[in-house]
Amino acid sequence: MKKISLFCALALVSSTAFALDKSGCESLKDVKILNNEMIDAVWSESGEVSADKMSALTGGSKNTIKAKPHCVVHGKLYKRTGSDGKEYAIDYELRLPEQWNEKFLFQGGGGMDGFVAPALGAVPIRTSTATPALLRGYAVVTTNSGHPEPTAEFGLDQQARLDYAYQAIGKVTDAAKQILAAAYAKKPKHSYFMGCSNGGRAALIAAQRYPLEFDGVIAANPGFRLSRAAIAQ
């Protein structure tokens, strides 16, 4: 079993890069993954990554960032109608760099989740000046954790609660790594999870529940005992 380490810096240097171009990006629409509904795979020549509207929760960038050309994949996993009659799916965004350093980063959400933040991989610590992971050649994924709004109504559906608690991490990681293998004909050499607050909690859950999927996690200000925190609020 791999040893999971908790640390506050990423090893971001790689001597080898695997390339992806526009045609390779667009061909990812045809990738078949169990319980996955691919929405789109679009090549971003400008490399522009929009500002994160939920940056206060995710630690993402408040401003638009200019990265190198890359592929942007959007998908839905396990689309279904919940026990409350509402539509649910695990939405995700995966950004694949033109020159990949063989490393994969799962970017945690924040608060109640329920939104898909731009998959940039900015370090969620206010004092950090580190360059976001996507700009360093990482493939980065984000998810809404299985429900469409950043509020607690999803708690009426048991599966939505399980996805938020931990299952979305495993499901999205599996899909993302399959897409990476299709894009670069190569599995990640190293995989990491990084998040703050609820994303920090998710990072610790990633280490506990999926120890073979990640080589290390960054768990900044992890939110514990959320039921008691909710009562306090």
C-alpha atoms as a PDB file:
ATOM      1  CA  MET A   1       0.000   0.000   0.000  1.00  0.00           C
ATOM      2  CA  LYS A   2       1.272   3.480  -0.827  1.00  0.00           C
ATOM      3  CA  LYS A   3       2.312   5.756   1.991  1.00  0.00           C
ATOM      4  CA  ILE A   4       0.073   8.831   2.172  1.00  0.00           C
ATOM      5  CA  SER A   5       1.878  11.985   3.247  1.00  0.00           C
ATOM      6  CA  LEU A   6       0.412  15.316   4.354  1.00  0.00           C
ATOM      7  CA  PHE A   7       2.447  18.285   3.156  1.00  0.00           C
ATOM      8  CA  CYS A   8       2.055  21.923   2.178  1.00  0.00           C
ATOM      9  CA  ALA A   9       4.072  22.075  -1.048  1.00  0.00           C
ATOM     10  CA  LEU A  10       3.871  20.297  -4.387  1.00  0.00           C
ATOM     11  CA  ALA A  11       6.780  18.651  -6.159  1.00  0.00           C
ATOM     12  CA  LEU A  12       6.246  20.396  -9.456  1.00  0.00           C
ATOM     13  CA  VAL A  13       9.326  19.660 -11.539  1.00  0.00           C
ATOM     14  CA  SER A  14       9.263  17.062 -14.302  1.00  0.00           C
ATOM     15  CA  SER A  15      11.828  16.345 -16.981  1.00  0.00           C
ATOM     16  CA  THR A  16       9.335  14.678 -19.341  1.00  0.00           C
ATOM     17  CA  ALA A  17       6.170  16.106 -20.899  1.00  0.00           C
ATOM     18  CA  PHE A  18       3.444  14.329 -22.856  1.00  0.00           C
ATOM     19  CA  ALA A  19       1.761  16.389 -25.572  1.00  0.00           C
ATOM     20  CA  LEU A  20      -1.902  16.939 -26.451  1.00  0.00           C
ATOM     21  CA  ASP A  21      -3.274  18.969 -29.363  1.00  0.00           C
ATOM     22  CA  LYS A  22      -6.677  20.229 -30.519  1.00  0.00           C
ATOM     23  CA  SER A  23      -7.653  17.091 -32.447  1.00  0.00           C
ATOM     24  CA  GLY A  24      -6.610  14.868 -29.559  1.00  0.00           C
ATOM     25  CA  CYS A  25      -8.664  17.007 -27.215  1.00  0.00           C
ATOM     26  CA  GLU A  26     -11.812  16.896 -29.317  1.00  0.00           C
ATOM     27  CA  SER A  27     -11.502  13.114 -29.742  1.00  0.00           C
ATOM     28  CA  LEU A  28     -12.046  12.749 -25.991  1.00  0.00           C
ATOM     29  CA  LYS A  29     -15.768  13.251 -26.646  1.00  0.00           C
ATOM     30  CA  ASP A  30     -15.785   9.645 -27.829  1.00  0.00           C
ATOM     31  CA  VAL A  31     -14.212   8.167 -24.695  1.00  0.00           C
ATOM     32  CA  LYS A  32     -16.541   5.603 -23.116  1.00  0.00           C
ATOM     33  CA  ILE A  33     -16.631   5.552 -19.317  1.00  0.00           C
ATOM     34  CA  LEU A  34     -19.198   3.672 -17.250  1.00  0.00           C
ATOM     35  CA  ASN A  35     -21.966   5.953 -15.947  1.00  0.00           C
ATOM     36  CA  ASN A  36     -20.340   8.968 -17.604  1.00  0.00           C
ATOM     37  CA  GLU A  37     -22.168  11.438 -19.839  1.00  0.00           C
ATOM     38  CA  MET A  38     -19.537  13.502 -21.638  1.00  0.00           C
ATOM     39  CA  ILE A  39     -20.797  17.024 -22.194  1.00  0.00           C
ATOM     40  CA  ASP A  40     -17.901  18.521 -24.112  1.00  0.00           C
ATOM     41  CA  ALA A  41     -14.172  18.527 -24.793  1.00  0.00           C
ATOM     42  CA  VAL A  42     -12.988  21.902 -26.097  1.00  0.00           C
ATOM     43  CA  TRP A  43      -9.506  23.118 -26.974  1.00  0.00           C
ATOM     44  CA  SER A  44      -8.636  26.464 -25.368  1.00  0.00           C
ATOM     45  CA  GLU A  45      -6.008  28.068 -27.575  1.00  0.00           C
ATOM     46  CA  SER A  46      -5.989  31.250 -25.505  1.00  0.00           C
ATOM     47  CA  GLY A  47      -5.466  29.261 -22.311  1.00  0.00           C
ATOM     48  CA  GLU A  48      -7.725  31.638 -20.429  1.00  0.00           C
ATOM     49  CA  VAL A  49      -9.209  30.378 -17.144  1.00  0.00           C
ATOM     50  CA  SER A  50     -12.136  32.409 -15.856  1.00  0.00           C
ATOM     51  CA  ALA A  51     -12.157  33.909 -12.383  1.00  0.00           C
ATOM     52  CA  ASP A  52     -13.498  31.604  -9.679  1.00  0.00           C
ATOM     53  CA  LYS A  53     -16.829  33.052  -8.492  1.00  0.00           C
ATOM     54  CA  MET A  54     -16.586  30.905  -5.360  1.00  0.00           C
ATOM     55  CA  SER A  55     -12.946  31.740  -4.660  1.00  0.00           C
ATOM     56  CA  ALA A  56     -13.770  32.687  -1.068  1.00  0.00           C
ATOM     57  CA  LEU A  57     -14.624  29.025  -0.471  1.00  0.00           C
ATOM     58  CA  THR A  58     -12.094  27.315  -2.726  1.00  0.00           C
ATOM     59  CA  GLY A  59      -9.026  29.524  -2.443  1.00  0.00           C
ATOM     60  CA  GLY A  60      -9.099  29.819  -6.240  1.00  0.00           C
ATOM     61  CA  SER A  61      -8.223  32.878  -8.277  1.00  0.00           C
ATOM     62  CA  LYS A  62     -10.429  35.972  -8.018  1.00  0.00           C
ATOM     63  CA  ASN A  63      -9.097  37.091 -11.388  1.00  0.00           C
ATOM     64  CA  THR A  64      -8.972  35.601 -14.870  1.00  0.00           C
ATOM     65  CA  ILE A  65      -5.732  33.656 -15.360  1.00  0.00           C
ATOM     66  CA  LYS A  66      -3.867  33.177 -18.639  1.00  0.00           C
ATOM     67  CA  ALA A  67      -2.454  29.656 -18.962  1.00  0.00           C
ATOM     68  CA  LYS A  68      -0.907  27.917 -21.941  1.00  0.00           C
ATOM     69  CA  PRO A  69      -3.173  26.177 -24.506  1.00  0.00           C
ATOM     70  CA  HIS A  70      -5.052  23.274 -22.952  1.00  0.00           C
ATOM     71  CA  CYS A  71      -8.090  21.004 -23.244  1.00  0.00           C
ATOM     72  CA  VAL A  72     -11.215  21.616 -21.150  1.00  0.00           C
ATOM     73  CA  VAL A  73     -13.439  18.594 -20.514  1.00  0.00           C
ATOM     74  CA  HIS A  74     -16.860  18.801 -18.879  1.00  0.00           C
ATOM     75  CA  GLY A  75     -18.807  15.712 -17.909  1.00  0.00           C
ATOM     76  CA  LYS A  76     -21.561  14.288 -15.722  1.00  0.00           C
ATOM     77  CA  LEU A  77     -21.311  11.069 -13.730  1.00  0.00           C
ATOM     78  CA  TYR A  78     -24.188   8.976 -12.392  1.00  0.00           C
ATOM     79  CA  LYS A  79     -26.979  11.238 -13.643  1.00  0.00           C
ATOM     80  CA  ARG A  80     -30.212  10.290 -11.855  1.00  0.00           C
ATOM     81  CA  THR A  81     -33.439  11.450 -10.237  1.00  0.00           C
ATOM     82  CA  GLY A  82     -33.158  11.568  -6.465  1.00  0.00           C
ATOM     83  CA  SER A  83     -35.594  10.345  -3.841  1.00  0.00           C
ATOM     84  CA  ASP A  84     -36.719  13.976  -3.480  1.00  0.00           C
ATOM     85  CA  GLY A  85     -37.671  14.120  -7.172  1.00  0.00           C
ATOM     86  CA  LYS A  86     -34.765  16.420  -8.107  1.00  0.00           C
ATOM     87  CA  GLU A  87     -32.142  15.777 -10.781  1.00  0.00           C
ATOM     88  CA  TYR A  88     -28.662  14.907  -9.569  1.00  0.00           C
ATOM     89  CA  ALA A  89     -25.293  14.262 -11.208  1.00  0.00           C
ATOM     90  CA  ILE A  90     -21.640  14.499 -10.287  1.00  0.00           C
ATOM     91  CA  ASP A  91     -20.519  17.318 -12.584  1.00  0.00           C
ATOM     92  CA  TYR A  92     -16.804  17.767 -13.166  1.00  0.00           C
ATOM     93  CA  GLU A  93     -14.301  19.868 -15.088  1.00  0.00           C
ATOM     94  CA  LEU A  94     -10.952  18.440 -16.156  1.00  0.00           C
ATOM     95  CA  ARG A  95      -8.260  20.625 -17.717  1.00  0.00           C
ATOM     96  CA  LEU A  96      -5.498  18.874 -19.648  1.00  0.00           C
ATOM     97  CA  PRO A  97      -2.356  20.873 -20.520  1.00  0.00           C
ATOM     98  CA  GLU A  98      -0.759  20.861 -23.956  1.00  0.00           C
ATOM     99  CA  GLN A  99       2.459  19.671 -22.305  1.00  0.00           C
ATOM    100  CA  TRP A 100       1.647  17.330 -19.419  1.00  0.00           C
ATOM    101  CA  ASN A 101       4.146  16.672 -16.625  1.00  0.00           C
ATOM    102  CA  GLU A 102       2.532  13.282 -15.793  1.00  0.00           C
ATOM    103  CA  LYS A 103       0.980  14.656 -12.614  1.00  0.00           C
ATOM    104  CA  PHE A 104      -2.679  14.849 -11.608  1.00  0.00           C
ATOM    105  CA  LEU A 105      -4.287  17.187  -9.070  1.00  0.00           C
ATOM    106  CA  PHE A 106      -7.788  16.895  -7.621  1.00  0.00           C
ATOM    107  CA  GLN A 107      -8.815  20.406  -6.551  1.00  0.00           C
ATOM    108  CA  GLY A 108     -11.190  20.315  -3.568  1.00  0.00           C
ATOM    109  CA  GLY A 109     -14.292  22.476  -3.299  1.00  0.00           C
ATOM    110  CA  GLY A 110     -15.604  24.450  -0.349  1.00  0.00           C
ATOM    111  CA  GLY A 111     -18.605  25.005   1.868  1.00  0.00           C
ATOM    112  CA  MET A 112     -21.486  22.775   0.816  1.00  0.00           C
ATOM    113  CA  ASP A 113     -19.950  22.337  -2.659  1.00  0.00           C
ATOM    114  CA  GLY A 114     -22.713  22.283  -5.303  1.00  0.00           C
ATOM    115  CA  PHE A 115     -20.656  24.172  -7.909  1.00  0.00           C
ATOM    116  CA  VAL A 116     -17.855  23.343 -10.348  1.00  0.00           C
ATOM    117  CA  ALA A 117     -14.938  25.719  -9.858  1.00  0.00           C
ATOM    118  CA  PRO A 118     -12.462  26.374 -12.702  1.00  0.00           C
ATOM    119  CA  ALA A 119      -9.917  23.542 -12.596  1.00  0.00           C
ATOM    120  CA  LEU A 120      -6.835  25.685 -12.066  1.00  0.00           C
ATOM    121  CA  GLY A 121      -5.088  24.238  -9.026  1.00  0.00           C
ATOM    122  CA  ALA A 122      -4.335  27.493  -7.209  1.00  0.00           C
ATOM    123  CA  VAL A 123      -2.892  26.871  -3.740  1.00  0.00           C
ATOM    124  CA  PRO A 124      -5.761  27.588  -1.288  1.00  0.00           C
ATOM    125  CA  ILE A 125      -3.646  29.535   1.205  1.00  0.00           C
ATOM    126  CA  ARG A 126      -3.939  33.323   1.101  1.00  0.00           C
ATOM    127  CA  THR A 127      -0.268  33.963   1.755  1.00  0.00           C
ATOM    128  CA  SER A 128       0.869  31.593  -0.994  1.00  0.00           C
ATOM    129  CA  THR A 129       2.500  33.010  -4.115  1.00  0.00           C
ATOM    130  CA  ALA A 130       2.861  29.620  -5.812  1.00  0.00           C
ATOM    131  CA  THR A 131       2.020  29.394  -9.515  1.00  0.00           C
ATOM    132  CA  PRO A 132      -1.235  27.420 -10.062  1.00  0.00           C
ATOM    133  CA  ALA A 133      -0.761  23.752 -10.929  1.00  0.00           C
ATOM    134  CA  LEU A 134      -2.302  23.943 -14.426  1.00  0.00           C
ATOM    135  CA  LEU A 135       0.313  26.518 -15.422  1.00  0.00           C
ATOM    136  CA  ARG A 136       3.012  24.086 -14.271  1.00  0.00           C
ATOM    137  CA  GLY A 137       1.817  21.243 -16.475  1.00  0.00           C
ATOM    138  CA  TYR A 138      -0.558  19.457 -14.112  1.00  0.00           C
ATOM    139  CA  ALA A 139      -3.876  17.978 -15.205  1.00  0.00           C
ATOM    140  CA  VAL A 140      -6.467  19.388 -12.774  1.00  0.00           C
ATOM    141  CA  VAL A 141     -10.025  18.271 -11.972  1.00  0.00           C
ATOM    142  CA  THR A 142     -12.840  19.841  -9.939  1.00  0.00           C
ATOM    143  CA  THR A 143     -16.382  18.684  -9.119  1.00  0.00           C
ATOM    144  CA  ASN A 144     -19.685  19.806  -7.604  1.00  0.00           C
ATOM    145  CA  SER A 145     -19.612  16.643  -5.412  1.00  0.00           C
ATOM    146  CA  GLY A 146     -22.927  15.406  -6.755  1.00  0.00           C
ATOM    147  CA  HIS A 147     -25.475  18.206  -6.294  1.00  0.00           C
ATOM    148  CA  PRO A 148     -26.257  21.371  -8.285  1.00  0.00           C
ATOM    149  CA  GLU A 149     -26.563  24.127  -5.647  1.00  0.00           C
ATOM    150  CA  PRO A 150     -24.290  25.307  -2.787  1.00  0.00           C
ATOM    151  CA  THR A 151     -27.040  24.772  -0.228  1.00  0.00           C
ATOM    152  CA  ALA A 152     -28.028  21.912   2.084  1.00  0.00           C
ATOM    153  CA  GLU A 153     -31.278  20.762   0.430  1.00  0.00           C
ATOM    154  CA  PHE A 154     -29.431  17.831  -1.191  1.00  0.00           C
ATOM    155  CA  GLY A 155     -29.346  16.269   2.280  1.00  0.00           C
ATOM    156  CA  LEU A 156     -32.861  14.965   1.691  1.00  0.00           C
ATOM    157  CA  ASP A 157     -31.375  12.435  -0.745  1.00  0.00           C
ATOM    158  CA  GLN A 158     -29.202   9.723   0.808  1.00  0.00           C
ATOM    159  CA  GLN A 159     -27.022   9.124  -2.264  1.00  0.00           C
ATOM    160  CA  ALA A 160     -26.361  12.853  -2.566  1.00  0.00           C
ATOM    161  CA  ARG A 161     -25.165  12.860   1.038  1.00  0.00           C
ATOM    162  CA  LEU A 162     -22.826   9.958   0.339  1.00  0.00           C
ATOM    163  CA  ASP A 163     -21.438  11.624  -2.792  1.00  0.00           C
ATOM    164  CA  TYR A 164     -20.782  14.831  -0.862  1.00  0.00           C
ATOM    165  CA  ALA A 165     -19.212  12.950   2.039  1.00  0.00           C
ATOM    166  CA  TYR A 166     -16.745  10.909   0.000  1.00  0.00           C
ATOM    167  CA  GLN A 167     -18.024   8.906  -2.972  1.00  0.00           C
ATOM    168  CA  ALA A 168     -17.718  11.708  -5.547  1.00  0.00           C
ATOM    169  CA  ILE A 169     -13.964  11.764  -4.894  1.00  0.00           C
ATOM    170  CA  GLY A 170     -13.526   8.167  -5.976  1.00  0.00           C
ATOM    171  CA  LYS A 171     -15.922   8.398  -8.904  1.00  0.00           C
ATOM    172  CA  VAL A 172     -14.397  11.572 -10.348  1.00  0.00           C
ATOM    173  CA  THR A 173     -10.831  10.358  -9.810  1.00  0.00           C
ATOM    174  CA  ASP A 174     -11.558   7.142 -11.696  1.00  0.00           C
ATOM    175  CA  ALA A 175     -13.162   8.985 -14.626  1.00  0.00           C
ATOM    176  CA  ALA A 176     -10.420  11.627 -14.772  1.00  0.00           C
ATOM    177  CA  LYS A 177      -7.648   9.033 -14.855  1.00  0.00           C
ATOM    178  CA  GLN A 178      -9.390   7.153 -17.659  1.00  0.00           C
ATOM    179  CA  ILE A 179      -9.595  10.377 -19.665  1.00  0.00           C
ATOM    180  CA  LEU A 180      -5.931  11.098 -18.972  1.00  0.00           C
ATOM    181  CA  ALA A 181      -4.981   7.649 -20.243  1.00  0.00           C
ATOM    182  CA  ALA A 182      -7.016   8.251 -23.414  1.00  0.00           C
ATOM    183  CA  ALA A 183      -5.499  11.711 -23.945  1.00  0.00           C
ATOM    184  CA  TYR A 184      -1.830  10.959 -23.330  1.00  0.00           C
ATOM    185  CA  ALA A 185      -1.685   7.136 -23.546  1.00  0.00           C
ATOM    186  CA  LYS A 186      -0.155   7.328 -20.095  1.00  0.00           C
ATOM    187  CA  LYS A 187      -1.362   7.082 -16.512  1.00  0.00           C
ATOM    188  CA  PRO A 188      -0.316   9.762 -14.008  1.00  0.00           C
ATOM    189  CA  LYS A 189       3.060   9.170 -12.399  1.00  0.00           C
ATOM    190  CA  HIS A 190       1.924  11.061  -9.299  1.00  0.00           C
ATOM    191  CA  SER A 191      -1.523  12.103  -8.045  1.00  0.00           C
ATOM    192  CA  TYR A 192      -2.396  14.657  -5.374  1.00  0.00           C
ATOM    193  CA  PHE A 193      -5.461  16.122  -3.671  1.00  0.00           C
ATOM    194  CA  MET A 194      -5.476  19.742  -2.504  1.00  0.00           C
ATOM    195  CA  GLY A 195      -8.198  21.658  -0.711  1.00  0.00           C
ATOM    196  CA  CYS A 196      -9.085  24.089   2.069  1.00  0.00           C
ATOM    197  CA  SER A 197     -11.931  24.047   4.615  1.00  0.00           C
ATOM    198  CA  ASN A 198     -14.407  21.488   3.253  1.00  0.00           C
ATOM    199  CA  GLY A 199     -11.814  20.860   0.545  1.00  0.00           C
ATOM    200  CA  GLY A 200      -9.345  20.167   3.338  1.00  0.00           C
ATOM    201  CA  ARG A 201     -11.794  17.702   4.862  1.00  0.00           C
ATOM    202  CA  ALA A 202     -12.146  16.088   1.446  1.00  0.00           C
ATOM    203  CA  ALA A 203      -8.352  15.854   1.202  1.00  0.00           C
ATOM    204  CA  LEU A 204      -8.211  13.865   4.444  1.00  0.00           C
ATOM    205  CA  ILE A 205     -11.112  11.701   3.252  1.00  0.00           C
ATOM    206  CA  ALA A 206      -9.198  11.084   0.005  1.00  0.00           C
ATOM    207  CA  ALA A 207      -6.268   9.791   2.063  1.00  0.00           C
ATOM    208  CA  GLN A 208      -8.495   7.578   4.222  1.00  0.00           C
ATOM    209  CA  ARG A 209     -10.955   6.245   1.661  1.00  0.00           C
ATOM    210  CA  TYR A 210      -8.783   6.157  -1.481  1.00  0.00           C
ATOM    211  CA  PRO A 211      -5.195   5.620  -0.278  1.00  0.00           C
ATOM    212  CA  LEU A 212      -4.130   3.925  -3.523  1.00  0.00           C
ATOM    213  CA  GLU A 213      -5.325   6.807  -5.717  1.00  0.00           C
ATOM    214  CA  PHE A 214      -3.220   9.612  -4.226  1.00  0.00           C
ATOM    215  CA  ASP A 215       0.456   9.940  -3.383  1.00  0.00           C
ATOM    216  CA  GLY A 216      -0.095  12.943  -1.146  1.00  0.00           C
ATOM    217  CA  VAL A 217      -2.676  15.455   0.041  1.00  0.00           C
ATOM    218  CA  ILE A 218      -2.683  19.103   1.047  1.00  0.00           C
ATOM    219  CA  ALA A 219      -5.365  19.558   3.712  1.00  0.00           C
ATOM    220  CA  ALA A 220      -5.561  23.260   4.565  1.00  0.00           C
ATOM    221  CA  ASN A 221      -7.864  24.248   7.452  1.00  0.00           C
ATOM    222  CA  PRO A 222      -9.912  21.030   7.180  1.00  0.00           C
ATOM    223  CA  GLY A 223     -13.513  21.356   8.344  1.00  0.00           C
ATOM    224  CA  PHE A 224     -14.328  18.729  10.989  1.00  0.00           C
ATOM    225  CA  ARG A 225     -17.551  17.794  12.801  1.00  0.00           C
ATOM    226  CA  LEU A 226     -19.638  19.553  10.166  1.00  0.00           C
ATOM    227  CA  SER A 227     -22.972  18.640  11.771  1.00  0.00           C
ATOM    228  CA  ARG A 228     -22.008  20.540  14.919  1.00  0.00           C
ATOM    229  CA  ALA A 229     -20.624  23.429  12.886  1.00  0.00           C
ATOM    230  CA  ALA A 230     -23.962  23.687  11.045  1.00  0.00           C
ATOM    231  CA  ILE A 231     -25.869  23.817  14.336  1.00  0.00           C
ATOM    232  CA  ALA A 232     -23.511  26.559  15.558  1.00  0.00           C
ATOM    233  CA  GLN A 233     -24.296  28.624  12.486  1.00  0.00           C
END
